[in-house]
Amino acid sequence: MSTPANPFTRKLVAAGILLAVVIPAFLLFRPALDEPPAATAADYLSGLKPVVSRAEALGKRLTDAEPGSELFNEVASLEAAWAETRTAPGYDRQRHDDFIIVFGSFITRMKSAGLIWRRLNEEPAGTSEEESARRLELLFMLQSLHGAETAPQLLAKRGMELDQLLSRTNLSQEVSDGLAGAPAVLNDAVRLFRELEAGPPGP
C-alpha cells in the first residue's frame, strides 16, 4: 500500500490507524476499569460496625428495661439490619463465622423473648385449633431461645412438663430470663468483633 504524498493526508491516515487500535482496546478494557475494587475484610467489618454499635446501645438498656413494644421493635429493626450485613461483600466464612454465630445467638435470644412477650399480651385463642397452633408456636420459640433441637430435648433441659412450660407464669419468666442472659452473649460477640478489628486485615 502506497503512502499518500500529501503530509496532511499522511497525518489523517496515521490518526485513523491510531483510533482504529485505541478505541477497540479501550472498549475491551473499559468493563474492568469500571468495576469497583473487590470488598475486603476491613470493608465487611466497617459495614457491620453500626449494627454492633446499635446492639451495644440496646444491651445497655437491658439491665433495667421492661419488656415492651418499644424494646422489641428495636430488636426487629436490629435483626433486619443484621440480615443485610452479616454476609455482605468482604465476608469470609473461616474468619468471621465465630462472631456471626455468637452475635446471631444474641439476636435469636432477643427475638424469641420478644415473640413470647407478644403472644402473652394477645387475646386468648378463640378455638381449640388456634390454641393448639399458639402452643406449638410458643414451643418453637422456647426451643430457639434455649438452643434445643426438639421438644423432648427442651422439656428435659428445663425439667418441666409441657403444660407447666407453656404456662403464663413460666412464659413470663422465660422472657425475663431471656433478657437477663442476653448481655453476656452480646459481650462475647462484641469481644470477637473487637478481635477481628484488631487482627490482621486479611485479603
N, C-alpha and C. Protein backbone atom coordinates (compact mmCIF):
# COMPACT_ATOMS: atom_id res chain seq x y z
N MET A 1 0.85 -1.19 0.00
CA MET A 1 0.00 0.00 0.00
C MET A 1 0.89 1.24 0.00
N SER A 2 0.67 2.15 -0.89
CA SER A 2 1.50 3.35 -1.01
C SER A 2 1.10 4.38 0.02
N THR A 3 2.08 5.14 0.52
CA THR A 3 1.83 6.19 1.50
C THR A 3 1.46 7.47 0.78
N PRO A 4 0.41 8.16 1.17
CA PRO A 4 0.00 9.39 0.50
C PRO A 4 1.13 10.41 0.57
N ALA A 5 1.32 11.12 -0.53
CA ALA A 5 2.41 12.10 -0.61
C ALA A 5 2.10 13.34 0.20
N ASN A 6 0.86 13.74 0.25
CA ASN A 6 0.47 14.96 0.96
C ASN A 6 0.67 14.77 2.47
N PRO A 7 1.47 15.63 3.14
CA PRO A 7 1.70 15.48 4.59
C PRO A 7 0.42 15.49 5.40
N PHE A 8 -0.52 16.35 5.05
CA PHE A 8 -1.78 16.42 5.79
C PHE A 8 -2.55 15.11 5.67
N THR A 9 -2.52 14.55 4.47
CA THR A 9 -3.22 13.28 4.24
C THR A 9 -2.57 12.17 5.03
N ARG A 10 -1.20 12.22 5.08
CA ARG A 10 -0.49 11.20 5.85
C ARG A 10 -0.87 11.25 7.33
N LYS A 11 -1.03 12.48 7.85
CA LYS A 11 -1.42 12.64 9.25
C LYS A 11 -2.82 12.08 9.51
N LEU A 12 -3.72 12.32 8.57
CA LEU A 12 -5.08 11.79 8.71
C LEU A 12 -5.09 10.28 8.73
N VAL A 13 -4.27 9.68 7.83
CA VAL A 13 -4.21 8.22 7.78
C VAL A 13 -3.64 7.67 9.09
N ALA A 14 -2.57 8.31 9.59
CA ALA A 14 -1.96 7.86 10.83
C ALA A 14 -2.93 7.97 12.00
N ALA A 15 -3.67 9.08 12.04
CA ALA A 15 -4.66 9.27 13.10
C ALA A 15 -5.75 8.21 13.03
N GLY A 16 -6.16 7.89 11.80
CA GLY A 16 -7.19 6.87 11.63
C GLY A 16 -6.73 5.51 12.10
N ILE A 17 -5.45 5.19 11.78
CA ILE A 17 -4.90 3.91 12.23
C ILE A 17 -4.83 3.86 13.76
N LEU A 18 -4.40 4.98 14.35
CA LEU A 18 -4.29 5.05 15.81
C LEU A 18 -5.65 4.86 16.48
N LEU A 19 -6.67 5.54 15.95
CA LEU A 19 -8.01 5.41 16.52
C LEU A 19 -8.54 3.99 16.35
N ALA A 20 -8.21 3.38 15.21
CA ALA A 20 -8.68 2.02 14.96
C ALA A 20 -8.11 1.03 15.97
N VAL A 21 -6.93 1.35 16.51
CA VAL A 21 -6.30 0.48 17.51
C VAL A 21 -6.75 0.84 18.92
N VAL A 22 -6.78 2.13 19.22
CA VAL A 22 -7.04 2.58 20.59
C VAL A 22 -8.48 2.36 21.01
N ILE A 23 -9.44 2.71 20.13
CA ILE A 23 -10.85 2.62 20.53
C ILE A 23 -11.27 1.19 20.87
N PRO A 24 -10.98 0.19 20.04
CA PRO A 24 -11.35 -1.18 20.43
C PRO A 24 -10.68 -1.62 21.73
N ALA A 25 -9.41 -1.22 21.91
CA ALA A 25 -8.71 -1.59 23.15
C ALA A 25 -9.38 -0.96 24.36
N PHE A 26 -9.79 0.31 24.22
CA PHE A 26 -10.46 0.99 25.33
C PHE A 26 -11.78 0.31 25.66
N LEU A 27 -12.53 -0.03 24.60
CA LEU A 27 -13.82 -0.69 24.83
C LEU A 27 -13.63 -2.07 25.44
N LEU A 28 -12.53 -2.72 25.09
CA LEU A 28 -12.28 -4.06 25.61
C LEU A 28 -11.99 -4.02 27.11
N PHE A 29 -11.20 -3.04 27.54
CA PHE A 29 -10.78 -2.99 28.94
C PHE A 29 -11.66 -2.09 29.80
N ARG A 30 -12.60 -1.40 29.19
CA ARG A 30 -13.42 -0.48 29.97
C ARG A 30 -14.22 -1.17 31.08
N PRO A 31 -14.84 -2.36 30.84
CA PRO A 31 -15.59 -3.01 31.93
C PRO A 31 -14.73 -3.24 33.17
N ALA A 32 -13.47 -3.66 32.93
CA ALA A 32 -12.59 -3.89 34.07
C ALA A 32 -12.27 -2.60 34.80
N LEU A 33 -12.13 -1.50 34.01
CA LEU A 33 -11.84 -0.21 34.64
C LEU A 33 -13.02 0.28 35.44
N ASP A 34 -14.25 -0.03 34.98
CA ASP A 34 -15.45 0.43 35.65
C ASP A 34 -15.78 -0.36 36.91
N GLU A 35 -15.26 -1.58 37.02
CA GLU A 35 -15.59 -2.43 38.16
C GLU A 35 -14.97 -1.88 39.44
N PRO A 36 -15.75 -1.80 40.52
CA PRO A 36 -15.17 -1.34 41.79
C PRO A 36 -14.22 -2.39 42.34
N PRO A 37 -13.27 -1.98 43.14
CA PRO A 37 -12.35 -2.97 43.72
C PRO A 37 -13.11 -3.95 44.61
N ALA A 38 -12.60 -5.17 44.68
CA ALA A 38 -13.26 -6.19 45.50
C ALA A 38 -13.27 -5.76 46.96
N ALA A 39 -14.38 -6.06 47.64
CA ALA A 39 -14.51 -5.71 49.06
C ALA A 39 -13.52 -6.52 49.89
N THR A 40 -12.99 -5.90 50.91
CA THR A 40 -12.02 -6.55 51.80
C THR A 40 -12.68 -6.89 53.14
N ALA A 41 -11.93 -7.61 53.97
CA ALA A 41 -12.42 -7.91 55.31
C ALA A 41 -12.64 -6.62 56.10
N ALA A 42 -11.78 -5.62 55.87
CA ALA A 42 -11.95 -4.33 56.55
C ALA A 42 -13.26 -3.66 56.13
N ASP A 43 -13.60 -3.77 54.85
CA ASP A 43 -14.88 -3.22 54.37
C ASP A 43 -16.05 -3.92 55.05
N TYR A 44 -15.94 -5.23 55.18
CA TYR A 44 -17.01 -6.00 55.81
C TYR A 44 -17.21 -5.58 57.26
N LEU A 45 -16.12 -5.46 58.00
CA LEU A 45 -16.21 -5.05 59.40
C LEU A 45 -16.73 -3.62 59.53
N SER A 46 -16.34 -2.77 58.61
CA SER A 46 -16.83 -1.39 58.63
C SER A 46 -18.34 -1.35 58.44
N GLY A 47 -18.86 -2.23 57.57
CA GLY A 47 -20.30 -2.29 57.37
C GLY A 47 -21.04 -2.85 58.57
N LEU A 48 -20.38 -3.74 59.31
CA LEU A 48 -21.01 -4.34 60.50
C LEU A 48 -20.98 -3.42 61.72
N LYS A 49 -20.04 -2.50 61.74
CA LYS A 49 -19.82 -1.70 62.95
C LYS A 49 -21.08 -0.97 63.43
N PRO A 50 -21.86 -0.33 62.54
CA PRO A 50 -23.08 0.34 63.03
C PRO A 50 -24.08 -0.63 63.66
N VAL A 51 -24.14 -1.86 63.14
CA VAL A 51 -25.06 -2.86 63.70
C VAL A 51 -24.60 -3.27 65.10
N VAL A 52 -23.30 -3.48 65.24
CA VAL A 52 -22.76 -3.85 66.55
C VAL A 52 -22.95 -2.70 67.55
N SER A 53 -22.76 -1.47 67.09
CA SER A 53 -22.95 -0.31 67.98
C SER A 53 -24.40 -0.21 68.44
N ARG A 54 -25.33 -0.46 67.53
CA ARG A 54 -26.75 -0.45 67.91
C ARG A 54 -27.04 -1.54 68.93
N ALA A 55 -26.45 -2.71 68.72
CA ALA A 55 -26.67 -3.81 69.67
C ALA A 55 -26.10 -3.46 71.04
N GLU A 56 -24.94 -2.80 71.06
CA GLU A 56 -24.36 -2.39 72.35
C GLU A 56 -25.27 -1.41 73.07
N ALA A 57 -25.81 -0.46 72.32
CA ALA A 57 -26.73 0.52 72.93
C ALA A 57 -27.97 -0.18 73.48
N LEU A 58 -28.45 -1.17 72.73
CA LEU A 58 -29.60 -1.94 73.19
C LEU A 58 -29.25 -2.75 74.43
N GLY A 59 -28.06 -3.36 74.43
CA GLY A 59 -27.64 -4.16 75.57
C GLY A 59 -27.56 -3.37 76.86
N LYS A 60 -27.17 -2.10 76.77
CA LYS A 60 -27.07 -1.26 77.96
C LYS A 60 -28.44 -0.99 78.58
N ARG A 61 -29.48 -1.09 77.76
CA ARG A 61 -30.83 -0.84 78.26
C ARG A 61 -31.44 -2.07 78.93
N LEU A 62 -30.84 -3.23 78.72
CA LEU A 62 -31.48 -4.46 79.17
C LEU A 62 -31.43 -4.66 80.68
N THR A 63 -30.51 -4.00 81.35
CA THR A 63 -30.39 -4.20 82.79
C THR A 63 -31.60 -3.66 83.55
N ASP A 64 -32.20 -2.59 83.00
CA ASP A 64 -33.36 -2.02 83.70
C ASP A 64 -34.57 -1.83 82.80
N ALA A 65 -34.51 -2.42 81.59
CA ALA A 65 -35.62 -2.25 80.65
C ALA A 65 -36.75 -3.22 80.96
N GLU A 66 -37.96 -2.71 80.87
CA GLU A 66 -39.13 -3.57 80.98
C GLU A 66 -39.49 -4.09 79.60
N PRO A 67 -39.88 -5.37 79.49
CA PRO A 67 -40.32 -5.87 78.18
C PRO A 67 -41.46 -5.01 77.66
N GLY A 68 -41.39 -4.65 76.39
CA GLY A 68 -42.44 -3.82 75.82
C GLY A 68 -42.25 -3.64 74.33
N SER A 69 -43.24 -3.03 73.69
CA SER A 69 -43.22 -2.88 72.24
C SER A 69 -42.01 -2.10 71.75
N GLU A 70 -41.66 -1.03 72.46
CA GLU A 70 -40.53 -0.19 72.02
C GLU A 70 -39.25 -1.01 71.98
N LEU A 71 -39.01 -1.78 73.02
CA LEU A 71 -37.80 -2.59 73.08
C LEU A 71 -37.78 -3.63 71.97
N PHE A 72 -38.87 -4.34 71.78
CA PHE A 72 -38.87 -5.43 70.81
C PHE A 72 -39.00 -4.93 69.37
N ASN A 73 -39.53 -3.73 69.18
CA ASN A 73 -39.49 -3.12 67.85
C ASN A 73 -38.06 -2.79 67.46
N GLU A 74 -37.28 -2.33 68.42
CA GLU A 74 -35.86 -2.07 68.16
C GLU A 74 -35.13 -3.37 67.85
N VAL A 75 -35.50 -4.44 68.52
CA VAL A 75 -34.90 -5.75 68.22
C VAL A 75 -35.22 -6.16 66.79
N ALA A 76 -36.46 -5.97 66.35
CA ALA A 76 -36.85 -6.32 64.98
C ALA A 76 -36.08 -5.50 63.97
N SER A 77 -35.89 -4.21 64.25
CA SER A 77 -35.13 -3.35 63.36
C SER A 77 -33.66 -3.77 63.31
N LEU A 78 -33.12 -4.14 64.45
CA LEU A 78 -31.73 -4.60 64.51
C LEU A 78 -31.57 -5.91 63.75
N GLU A 79 -32.54 -6.79 63.87
CA GLU A 79 -32.49 -8.07 63.14
C GLU A 79 -32.47 -7.84 61.64
N ALA A 80 -33.27 -6.88 61.16
CA ALA A 80 -33.32 -6.58 59.73
C ALA A 80 -31.97 -6.04 59.25
N ALA A 81 -31.36 -5.16 60.03
CA ALA A 81 -30.05 -4.62 59.67
C ALA A 81 -28.99 -5.72 59.67
N TRP A 82 -29.08 -6.62 60.62
CA TRP A 82 -28.14 -7.74 60.72
C TRP A 82 -28.28 -8.66 59.51
N ALA A 83 -29.49 -8.92 59.09
CA ALA A 83 -29.71 -9.79 57.93
C ALA A 83 -29.08 -9.21 56.66
N GLU A 84 -29.04 -7.90 56.55
CA GLU A 84 -28.49 -7.24 55.37
C GLU A 84 -26.97 -7.21 55.37
N THR A 85 -26.35 -7.31 56.52
CA THR A 85 -24.90 -7.10 56.61
C THR A 85 -24.09 -8.33 56.99
N ARG A 86 -24.72 -9.37 57.51
CA ARG A 86 -23.92 -10.47 58.10
C ARG A 86 -23.10 -11.22 57.06
N THR A 87 -23.56 -11.30 55.81
CA THR A 87 -22.75 -11.94 54.77
C THR A 87 -22.54 -10.96 53.61
N ALA A 88 -22.31 -9.70 53.93
CA ALA A 88 -22.08 -8.67 52.92
C ALA A 88 -20.73 -8.91 52.24
N PRO A 89 -20.46 -8.22 51.11
CA PRO A 89 -19.16 -8.37 50.46
C PRO A 89 -18.00 -8.15 51.43
N GLY A 90 -17.00 -9.02 51.31
CA GLY A 90 -15.87 -9.00 52.23
C GLY A 90 -15.97 -10.07 53.30
N TYR A 91 -17.15 -10.69 53.41
CA TYR A 91 -17.36 -11.75 54.40
C TYR A 91 -16.50 -12.96 54.06
N ASP A 92 -15.83 -13.48 55.06
CA ASP A 92 -15.03 -14.69 54.92
C ASP A 92 -15.49 -15.69 55.97
N ARG A 93 -15.98 -16.80 55.52
CA ARG A 93 -16.59 -17.77 56.43
C ARG A 93 -15.63 -18.21 57.53
N GLN A 94 -14.43 -18.57 57.14
CA GLN A 94 -13.48 -19.09 58.12
C GLN A 94 -13.12 -18.03 59.16
N ARG A 95 -12.98 -16.79 58.72
CA ARG A 95 -12.54 -15.73 59.61
C ARG A 95 -13.68 -15.19 60.47
N HIS A 96 -14.88 -15.09 59.92
CA HIS A 96 -15.95 -14.32 60.57
C HIS A 96 -17.05 -15.15 61.22
N ASP A 97 -17.07 -16.46 60.98
CA ASP A 97 -18.22 -17.24 61.45
C ASP A 97 -18.33 -17.35 62.97
N ASP A 98 -17.22 -17.31 63.68
CA ASP A 98 -17.32 -17.36 65.15
C ASP A 98 -18.12 -16.16 65.66
N PHE A 99 -17.80 -15.00 65.13
CA PHE A 99 -18.55 -13.80 65.52
C PHE A 99 -20.01 -13.90 65.09
N ILE A 100 -20.23 -14.35 63.85
CA ILE A 100 -21.59 -14.43 63.32
C ILE A 100 -22.46 -15.36 64.17
N ILE A 101 -21.92 -16.49 64.58
CA ILE A 101 -22.69 -17.45 65.37
C ILE A 101 -23.08 -16.85 66.72
N VAL A 102 -22.13 -16.19 67.39
CA VAL A 102 -22.42 -15.65 68.72
C VAL A 102 -23.35 -14.45 68.62
N PHE A 103 -23.08 -13.55 67.68
CA PHE A 103 -23.97 -12.39 67.54
C PHE A 103 -25.36 -12.84 67.10
N GLY A 104 -25.41 -13.84 66.22
CA GLY A 104 -26.70 -14.38 65.80
C GLY A 104 -27.48 -14.99 66.94
N SER A 105 -26.77 -15.61 67.90
CA SER A 105 -27.47 -16.18 69.06
C SER A 105 -28.05 -15.08 69.94
N PHE A 106 -27.37 -13.93 70.00
CA PHE A 106 -27.93 -12.78 70.73
C PHE A 106 -29.22 -12.31 70.06
N ILE A 107 -29.18 -12.16 68.74
CA ILE A 107 -30.37 -11.73 68.00
C ILE A 107 -31.50 -12.73 68.20
N THR A 108 -31.19 -14.03 68.12
CA THR A 108 -32.21 -15.07 68.28
C THR A 108 -32.83 -15.03 69.67
N ARG A 109 -32.00 -14.86 70.68
CA ARG A 109 -32.49 -14.79 72.06
C ARG A 109 -33.45 -13.62 72.23
N MET A 110 -33.06 -12.47 71.73
CA MET A 110 -33.89 -11.27 71.86
C MET A 110 -35.18 -11.41 71.05
N LYS A 111 -35.06 -11.96 69.85
CA LYS A 111 -36.24 -12.14 69.00
C LYS A 111 -37.22 -13.11 69.65
N SER A 112 -36.72 -14.22 70.16
CA SER A 112 -37.60 -15.22 70.79
C SER A 112 -38.29 -14.65 72.01
N ALA A 113 -37.55 -13.91 72.84
CA ALA A 113 -38.15 -13.28 74.01
C ALA A 113 -39.25 -12.31 73.60
N GLY A 114 -38.99 -11.57 72.52
CA GLY A 114 -39.99 -10.62 72.03
C GLY A 114 -41.25 -11.29 71.52
N LEU A 115 -41.07 -12.38 70.78
CA LEU A 115 -42.24 -13.10 70.25
C LEU A 115 -43.07 -13.71 71.38
N ILE A 116 -42.40 -14.26 72.37
CA ILE A 116 -43.13 -14.82 73.52
C ILE A 116 -43.89 -13.72 74.24
N TRP A 117 -43.24 -12.58 74.44
CA TRP A 117 -43.90 -11.46 75.11
C TRP A 117 -45.15 -11.02 74.34
N ARG A 118 -45.04 -10.96 73.02
CA ARG A 118 -46.19 -10.54 72.21
C ARG A 118 -47.34 -11.54 72.33
N ARG A 119 -47.01 -12.82 72.32
CA ARG A 119 -48.07 -13.83 72.45
C ARG A 119 -48.73 -13.74 73.84
N LEU A 120 -47.96 -13.45 74.84
CA LEU A 120 -48.53 -13.32 76.19
C LEU A 120 -49.50 -12.14 76.29
N ASN A 121 -49.30 -11.14 75.46
CA ASN A 121 -50.13 -9.94 75.52
C ASN A 121 -51.25 -9.93 74.49
N GLU A 122 -51.42 -11.04 73.80
CA GLU A 122 -52.54 -11.17 72.85
C GLU A 122 -53.79 -11.67 73.57
N GLU A 123 -54.90 -11.49 72.90
CA GLU A 123 -56.15 -12.07 73.41
C GLU A 123 -56.05 -13.59 73.34
N PRO A 124 -56.68 -14.31 74.26
CA PRO A 124 -56.65 -15.77 74.22
C PRO A 124 -57.19 -16.30 72.89
N ALA A 125 -56.61 -17.41 72.45
CA ALA A 125 -57.07 -18.02 71.20
C ALA A 125 -58.54 -18.41 71.31
N GLY A 126 -59.27 -18.23 70.19
CA GLY A 126 -60.71 -18.45 70.23
C GLY A 126 -61.14 -19.89 70.11
N THR A 127 -60.40 -20.70 69.39
CA THR A 127 -60.78 -22.10 69.17
C THR A 127 -59.66 -23.02 69.64
N SER A 128 -60.01 -24.29 69.77
CA SER A 128 -59.00 -25.26 70.20
C SER A 128 -57.89 -25.38 69.16
N GLU A 129 -58.27 -25.27 67.87
CA GLU A 129 -57.25 -25.35 66.82
C GLU A 129 -56.29 -24.17 66.91
N GLU A 130 -56.84 -22.97 67.14
CA GLU A 130 -56.00 -21.79 67.28
C GLU A 130 -55.10 -21.88 68.51
N GLU A 131 -55.65 -22.41 69.58
CA GLU A 131 -54.86 -22.55 70.80
C GLU A 131 -53.74 -23.57 70.60
N SER A 132 -54.04 -24.65 69.87
CA SER A 132 -53.01 -25.65 69.59
C SER A 132 -51.88 -25.04 68.75
N ALA A 133 -52.27 -24.24 67.76
CA ALA A 133 -51.27 -23.58 66.91
C ALA A 133 -50.42 -22.61 67.73
N ARG A 134 -51.08 -21.90 68.64
CA ARG A 134 -50.36 -20.94 69.50
C ARG A 134 -49.36 -21.67 70.40
N ARG A 135 -49.79 -22.77 71.00
CA ARG A 135 -48.90 -23.53 71.89
C ARG A 135 -47.71 -24.09 71.11
N LEU A 136 -47.97 -24.55 69.89
CA LEU A 136 -46.89 -25.09 69.08
C LEU A 136 -45.88 -23.99 68.72
N GLU A 137 -46.41 -22.82 68.39
CA GLU A 137 -45.53 -21.70 68.07
C GLU A 137 -44.68 -21.31 69.28
N LEU A 138 -45.31 -21.26 70.44
CA LEU A 138 -44.56 -20.93 71.66
C LEU A 138 -43.48 -21.98 71.95
N LEU A 139 -43.81 -23.22 71.67
CA LEU A 139 -42.84 -24.30 71.89
C LEU A 139 -41.62 -24.10 71.00
N PHE A 140 -41.86 -23.75 69.73
CA PHE A 140 -40.75 -23.50 68.81
C PHE A 140 -39.90 -22.31 69.27
N MET A 141 -40.57 -21.28 69.77
CA MET A 141 -39.85 -20.10 70.27
C MET A 141 -38.96 -20.47 71.45
N LEU A 142 -39.49 -21.29 72.34
CA LEU A 142 -38.70 -21.72 73.50
C LEU A 142 -37.53 -22.60 73.09
N GLN A 143 -37.74 -23.44 72.10
CA GLN A 143 -36.64 -24.25 71.58
C GLN A 143 -35.54 -23.35 71.05
N SER A 144 -35.94 -22.33 70.31
CA SER A 144 -34.96 -21.38 69.76
C SER A 144 -34.24 -20.63 70.87
N LEU A 145 -34.99 -20.22 71.87
CA LEU A 145 -34.41 -19.46 72.98
C LEU A 145 -33.37 -20.27 73.75
N HIS A 146 -33.62 -21.58 73.89
CA HIS A 146 -32.74 -22.43 74.70
C HIS A 146 -31.81 -23.30 73.86
N GLY A 147 -31.85 -23.12 72.54
CA GLY A 147 -30.96 -23.90 71.68
C GLY A 147 -31.26 -25.38 71.69
N ALA A 148 -32.54 -25.73 71.84
CA ALA A 148 -32.95 -27.14 71.83
C ALA A 148 -33.46 -27.51 70.44
N GLU A 149 -33.05 -28.64 69.93
CA GLU A 149 -33.45 -29.04 68.59
C GLU A 149 -34.84 -29.66 68.56
N THR A 150 -35.25 -30.29 69.65
CA THR A 150 -36.55 -30.97 69.70
C THR A 150 -37.29 -30.59 70.97
N ALA A 151 -38.61 -30.82 70.96
CA ALA A 151 -39.41 -30.55 72.16
C ALA A 151 -38.99 -31.42 73.34
N PRO A 152 -38.78 -32.75 73.17
CA PRO A 152 -38.32 -33.55 74.31
C PRO A 152 -36.99 -33.05 74.89
N GLN A 153 -36.11 -32.62 74.01
CA GLN A 153 -34.83 -32.08 74.48
C GLN A 153 -35.05 -30.82 75.32
N LEU A 154 -35.99 -29.98 74.87
CA LEU A 154 -36.31 -28.76 75.61
C LEU A 154 -36.90 -29.09 76.98
N LEU A 155 -37.86 -30.02 77.00
CA LEU A 155 -38.50 -30.39 78.27
C LEU A 155 -37.49 -30.97 79.25
N ALA A 156 -36.58 -31.79 78.74
CA ALA A 156 -35.55 -32.36 79.61
C ALA A 156 -34.61 -31.27 80.13
N LYS A 157 -34.30 -30.34 79.25
CA LYS A 157 -33.40 -29.25 79.63
C LYS A 157 -34.00 -28.36 80.70
N ARG A 158 -35.31 -28.12 80.58
CA ARG A 158 -35.99 -27.24 81.52
C ARG A 158 -36.53 -27.99 82.74
N GLY A 159 -36.61 -29.32 82.65
CA GLY A 159 -37.11 -30.12 83.77
C GLY A 159 -38.57 -29.86 84.06
N MET A 160 -39.38 -29.71 83.02
CA MET A 160 -40.80 -29.39 83.19
C MET A 160 -41.66 -30.25 82.27
N GLU A 161 -42.92 -30.38 82.66
CA GLU A 161 -43.92 -30.94 81.76
C GLU A 161 -44.35 -29.85 80.79
N LEU A 162 -44.99 -30.25 79.70
CA LEU A 162 -45.34 -29.30 78.65
C LEU A 162 -46.28 -28.20 79.17
N ASP A 163 -47.32 -28.60 79.91
CA ASP A 163 -48.28 -27.60 80.39
C ASP A 163 -47.62 -26.59 81.32
N GLN A 164 -46.72 -27.07 82.14
CA GLN A 164 -46.00 -26.16 83.04
C GLN A 164 -45.10 -25.23 82.25
N LEU A 165 -44.44 -25.79 81.24
CA LEU A 165 -43.53 -24.99 80.41
C LEU A 165 -44.27 -23.85 79.70
N LEU A 166 -45.51 -24.15 79.25
CA LEU A 166 -46.27 -23.17 78.47
C LEU A 166 -47.24 -22.36 79.32
N SER A 167 -47.14 -22.47 80.62
CA SER A 167 -48.00 -21.67 81.49
C SER A 167 -47.59 -20.20 81.40
N ARG A 168 -48.53 -19.30 81.67
CA ARG A 168 -48.23 -17.87 81.62
C ARG A 168 -47.12 -17.49 82.60
N THR A 169 -47.15 -18.12 83.76
CA THR A 169 -46.13 -17.81 84.76
C THR A 169 -44.74 -18.14 84.25
N ASN A 170 -44.60 -19.33 83.67
CA ASN A 170 -43.29 -19.72 83.17
C ASN A 170 -42.89 -18.91 81.95
N LEU A 171 -43.85 -18.63 81.05
CA LEU A 171 -43.52 -17.86 79.86
C LEU A 171 -43.04 -16.45 80.22
N SER A 172 -43.68 -15.85 81.21
CA SER A 172 -43.23 -14.54 81.67
C SER A 172 -41.81 -14.62 82.22
N GLN A 173 -41.54 -15.70 82.93
CA GLN A 173 -40.19 -15.89 83.46
C GLN A 173 -39.18 -16.12 82.34
N GLU A 174 -39.62 -16.83 81.30
CA GLU A 174 -38.74 -17.08 80.16
C GLU A 174 -38.33 -15.77 79.50
N VAL A 175 -39.28 -14.84 79.36
CA VAL A 175 -38.97 -13.54 78.77
C VAL A 175 -37.94 -12.81 79.64
N SER A 176 -38.17 -12.81 80.95
CA SER A 176 -37.24 -12.14 81.87
C SER A 176 -35.85 -12.78 81.82
N ASP A 177 -35.82 -14.11 81.82
CA ASP A 177 -34.54 -14.81 81.78
C ASP A 177 -33.82 -14.58 80.45
N GLY A 178 -34.60 -14.55 79.37
CA GLY A 178 -34.02 -14.31 78.06
C GLY A 178 -33.34 -12.95 77.98
N LEU A 179 -34.01 -11.94 78.51
CA LEU A 179 -33.43 -10.60 78.52
C LEU A 179 -32.24 -10.52 79.47
N ALA A 180 -32.34 -11.19 80.61
CA ALA A 180 -31.26 -11.13 81.60
C ALA A 180 -29.98 -11.80 81.08
N GLY A 181 -30.14 -12.86 80.28
CA GLY A 181 -28.97 -13.56 79.78
C GLY A 181 -28.39 -12.97 78.51
N ALA A 182 -29.13 -12.08 77.86
CA ALA A 182 -28.69 -11.54 76.58
C ALA A 182 -27.40 -10.71 76.66
N PRO A 183 -27.21 -9.85 77.67
CA PRO A 183 -25.99 -9.04 77.70
C PRO A 183 -24.70 -9.86 77.70
N ALA A 184 -24.69 -11.00 78.40
CA ALA A 184 -23.48 -11.83 78.43
C ALA A 184 -23.16 -12.36 77.04
N VAL A 185 -24.19 -12.78 76.31
CA VAL A 185 -23.99 -13.26 74.95
C VAL A 185 -23.48 -12.13 74.07
N LEU A 186 -24.09 -10.96 74.21
CA LEU A 186 -23.67 -9.80 73.42
C LEU A 186 -22.23 -9.43 73.73
N ASN A 187 -21.85 -9.47 74.99
CA ASN A 187 -20.46 -9.13 75.36
C ASN A 187 -19.47 -10.05 74.66
N ASP A 188 -19.80 -11.34 74.57
CA ASP A 188 -18.93 -12.28 73.86
C ASP A 188 -18.83 -11.91 72.39
N ALA A 189 -19.97 -11.55 71.80
CA ALA A 189 -19.98 -11.17 70.38
C ALA A 189 -19.16 -9.91 70.14
N VAL A 190 -19.32 -8.93 71.01
CA VAL A 190 -18.56 -7.68 70.86
C VAL A 190 -17.06 -7.93 71.02
N ARG A 191 -16.70 -8.80 71.96
CA ARG A 191 -15.28 -9.15 72.14
C ARG A 191 -14.71 -9.75 70.86
N LEU A 192 -15.45 -10.67 70.25
CA LEU A 192 -15.00 -11.29 69.00
C LEU A 192 -14.89 -10.26 67.88
N PHE A 193 -15.83 -9.32 67.86
CA PHE A 193 -15.79 -8.28 66.84
C PHE A 193 -14.55 -7.40 67.02
N ARG A 194 -14.25 -7.02 68.24
CA ARG A 194 -13.07 -6.19 68.50
C ARG A 194 -11.79 -6.94 68.11
N GLU A 195 -11.76 -8.24 68.36
CA GLU A 195 -10.60 -9.03 67.97
C GLU A 195 -10.44 -9.05 66.45
N LEU A 196 -11.55 -9.12 65.74
CA LEU A 196 -11.49 -9.07 64.28
C LEU A 196 -10.97 -7.71 63.81
N GLU A 197 -11.44 -6.65 64.45
CA GLU A 197 -10.98 -5.31 64.08
C GLU A 197 -9.48 -5.15 64.34
N ALA A 198 -9.00 -5.73 65.43
CA ALA A 198 -7.59 -5.57 65.80
C ALA A 198 -6.67 -6.55 65.08
N GLY A 199 -7.24 -7.58 64.49
CA GLY A 199 -6.45 -8.62 63.87
C GLY A 199 -5.90 -8.22 62.52
N PRO A 200 -5.21 -9.15 61.85
CA PRO A 200 -4.67 -8.86 60.51
C PRO A 200 -5.79 -8.53 59.56
N PRO A 201 -5.58 -7.58 58.63
CA PRO A 201 -6.66 -7.14 57.74
C PRO A 201 -7.15 -8.21 56.80
N GLY A 202 -6.28 -9.14 56.43
CA GLY A 202 -6.71 -10.19 55.50
C GLY A 202 -6.85 -9.64 54.11
N PRO A 203 -7.25 -10.51 53.15
CA PRO A 203 -7.36 -10.07 51.76
C PRO A 203 -8.52 -9.12 51.58
